[in-house]
Amino acid sequence: MRLSQHFRLSEFTRTGTGLPNQPTDEHRLSLRALCVDVLEPLRAYVGAPVRVTSGYRSQTVNEAVGGSATSQHCCGDAADIKVSGWSAEELAGAVIDSVNNSRLHQVIAYHPTRGGHVHVGRGNGRCQVLYRAANGAYQAPPPEQVADWVDAARRRRAGA
């Protein structure tokens, strides 16, 4: 089932746990909105495929992978993503620069030892930006660091 031009439901439901992981109709609508509001604009910005490393999670899958009890993944409102050749910081900058912030709930860049991916959460416009450091701590980066991420994404996009 296609959720948007470049994203399929199967990308969001695969899991290595072997556990059932099928979203409800309501969750599929949320996944579609995540694709349309966040992932498609990001894909257009980076000019390359966006790989979903973790998408929808049933409660059982979420518990098995050690996810937060309040994870947006369980509602279909979040995805962990990577783009080949882009660092997590560059990709987080691209999300911030390409997506209407009123559509974002969270953007979390993960240190390479923590997966090197970016968590994007769609929602209430809170647009919380975090960094998960090598030691596992979540940190709110200072605004100038986030600005550096956005500048890096713009340079990358421009081919510099």
Protein backbone atom coordinates (compact mmCIF):
# COMPACT_ATOMS: atom_id res chain seq x y z
CA MET A 1 0.00 0.00 0.00
CA ARG A 2 1.38 3.38 -1.04
CA LEU A 3 1.26 6.11 1.62
CA SER A 4 2.62 8.85 -0.63
CA GLN A 5 4.54 9.24 -3.87
CA HIS A 6 7.79 7.79 -2.50
CA PHE A 7 6.77 5.82 0.60
CA ARG A 8 5.05 2.48 1.10
CA LEU A 9 3.41 1.10 4.23
CA SER A 10 5.81 -1.88 4.21
CA GLU A 11 8.72 0.50 4.90
CA PHE A 12 7.06 1.51 8.17
CA THR A 13 5.96 -1.91 9.41
CA ARG A 14 9.04 -4.09 8.96
CA THR A 15 10.61 -5.25 12.18
CA GLY A 16 13.37 -7.63 13.14
CA THR A 17 11.46 -8.79 16.21
CA GLY A 18 9.25 -11.30 14.38
CA LEU A 19 6.26 -9.84 16.21
CA PRO A 20 3.01 -8.68 14.54
CA ASN A 21 3.24 -5.03 13.54
CA GLN A 22 0.17 -3.95 11.60
CA PRO A 23 -1.26 -0.45 12.11
CA THR A 24 -4.94 0.32 12.46
CA ASP A 25 -6.72 2.46 9.86
CA GLU A 26 -6.24 5.47 12.14
CA HIS A 27 -2.50 4.79 12.40
CA ARG A 28 -2.26 4.43 8.60
CA LEU A 29 -3.83 7.88 8.24
CA SER A 30 -1.20 9.25 10.63
CA LEU A 31 1.58 7.54 8.67
CA ARG A 32 0.23 9.06 5.46
CA ALA A 33 0.26 12.53 7.08
CA LEU A 34 3.83 11.93 8.29
CA CYS A 35 4.87 11.10 4.73
CA VAL A 36 3.05 14.04 3.13
CA ASP A 37 3.90 16.67 5.76
CA VAL A 38 7.46 15.66 6.67
CA LEU A 39 9.11 12.95 4.61
CA GLU A 40 8.12 14.05 1.09
CA PRO A 41 9.28 17.66 1.63
CA LEU A 42 12.51 16.30 3.10
CA ARG A 43 13.05 13.96 0.15
CA ALA A 44 12.56 16.86 -2.27
CA TYR A 45 15.03 18.95 -0.26
CA VAL A 46 17.82 16.34 -0.14
CA GLY A 47 17.16 15.09 -3.67
CA ALA A 48 17.66 11.47 -2.63
CA PRO A 49 15.72 8.57 -1.15
CA VAL A 50 14.94 8.74 2.57
CA ARG A 51 15.31 5.33 4.22
CA VAL A 52 12.97 4.53 7.10
CA THR A 53 14.88 2.49 9.69
CA SER A 54 12.00 2.38 12.18
CA GLY A 55 8.46 3.49 11.53
CA TYR A 56 5.22 2.27 13.02
CA ARG A 57 5.55 0.11 16.14
CA SER A 58 2.79 -1.89 17.74
CA GLN A 59 2.88 -1.71 21.54
CA THR A 60 4.38 -5.22 21.60
CA VAL A 61 7.12 -4.31 19.13
CA ASN A 62 7.79 -1.04 20.95
CA GLU A 63 8.25 -2.88 24.26
CA ALA A 64 10.50 -5.48 22.60
CA VAL A 65 12.83 -2.82 21.20
CA GLY A 66 12.93 -0.82 24.44
CA GLY A 67 10.95 2.13 23.09
CA SER A 68 9.44 4.85 25.24
CA ALA A 69 6.01 4.10 26.67
CA THR A 70 4.82 7.36 25.08
CA SER A 71 6.55 6.79 21.72
CA GLN A 72 5.00 8.55 18.72
CA HIS A 73 6.01 5.48 16.69
CA CYS A 74 3.02 3.67 18.25
CA CYS A 75 0.62 6.28 16.84
CA GLY A 76 2.13 6.41 13.35
CA ASP A 77 3.42 9.93 13.97
CA ALA A 78 7.18 9.22 13.95
CA ALA A 79 9.95 7.61 11.96
CA ASP A 80 13.66 7.09 12.33
CA ILE A 81 15.38 7.91 9.05
CA LYS A 82 18.68 8.02 7.20
CA VAL A 83 19.83 9.39 3.86
CA SER A 84 22.91 7.83 2.31
CA GLY A 85 25.95 10.07 2.69
CA TRP A 86 24.27 12.53 5.09
CA SER A 87 25.29 12.76 8.74
CA ALA A 88 22.56 12.82 11.37
CA GLU A 89 23.32 16.47 12.05
CA GLU A 90 23.09 17.43 8.36
CA LEU A 91 19.86 15.46 8.00
CA ALA A 92 18.35 17.04 11.12
CA GLY A 93 19.27 20.44 9.67
CA ALA A 94 17.57 19.46 6.41
CA VAL A 95 14.39 18.48 8.28
CA ILE A 96 14.35 21.78 10.14
CA ASP A 97 14.98 23.74 6.94
CA SER A 98 12.55 21.87 4.67
CA VAL A 99 9.52 21.13 6.82
CA ASN A 100 6.99 23.65 8.12
CA ASN A 101 7.81 23.73 11.85
CA SER A 102 4.11 23.77 12.72
CA ARG A 103 4.08 20.18 11.44
CA LEU A 104 6.95 19.00 13.67
CA HIS A 105 6.84 17.62 17.18
CA GLN A 106 10.43 16.42 17.51
CA VAL A 107 13.68 16.19 15.60
CA ILE A 108 16.36 14.10 17.30
CA ALA A 109 19.82 13.58 15.79
CA TYR A 110 21.59 10.46 17.08
CA HIS A 111 25.36 10.17 17.49
CA PRO A 112 26.88 7.55 15.13
CA THR A 113 27.40 5.12 18.03
CA ARG A 114 23.67 5.43 18.75
CA GLY A 115 22.65 4.66 15.17
CA GLY A 116 23.53 7.87 13.33
CA HIS A 117 19.91 8.38 12.33
CA VAL A 118 17.32 11.11 12.81
CA HIS A 119 14.01 10.69 14.60
CA VAL A 120 11.25 12.86 13.14
CA GLY A 121 7.95 13.24 14.90
CA ARG A 122 4.93 14.91 13.38
CA GLY A 123 2.48 16.70 15.56
CA ASN A 124 1.73 19.71 17.63
CA GLY A 125 4.23 22.24 16.31
CA ARG A 126 6.36 22.08 19.44
CA CYS A 127 9.41 21.36 17.24
CA GLN A 128 11.66 20.14 20.03
CA VAL A 129 15.21 19.60 18.76
CA LEU A 130 17.44 17.15 20.63
CA TYR A 131 20.75 15.35 20.22
CA ARG A 132 21.37 11.89 21.64
CA ALA A 133 25.03 11.80 22.56
CA ALA A 134 27.42 8.84 22.53
CA ASN A 135 26.86 8.37 26.27
CA GLY A 136 23.10 7.98 25.65
CA ALA A 137 22.09 11.30 27.16
CA TYR A 138 19.53 13.46 25.37
CA GLN A 139 20.64 17.07 25.10
CA ALA A 140 18.96 20.19 23.78
CA PRO A 141 21.63 21.70 21.51
CA PRO A 142 22.12 25.46 21.72
CA PRO A 143 20.42 27.45 18.93
CA GLU A 144 23.78 28.23 17.29
CA GLN A 145 24.51 24.49 16.98
CA VAL A 146 21.12 23.89 15.35
CA ALA A 147 21.86 26.81 13.01
CA ASP A 148 25.16 25.08 12.12
CA TRP A 149 23.21 21.91 11.26
CA VAL A 150 20.90 23.90 8.98
CA ASP A 151 23.88 25.66 7.35
CA ALA A 152 25.56 22.28 6.78
CA ALA A 153 22.38 20.96 5.15
CA ARG A 154 22.16 24.01 2.89
CA ARG A 155 25.80 23.64 1.83
CA ARG A 156 25.26 19.94 1.20
CA ARG A 157 22.13 20.67 -0.84
CA ALA A 158 23.99 23.30 -2.87
CA GLY A 159 26.76 20.80 -3.60
CA ALA A 160 29.41 22.71 -1.71
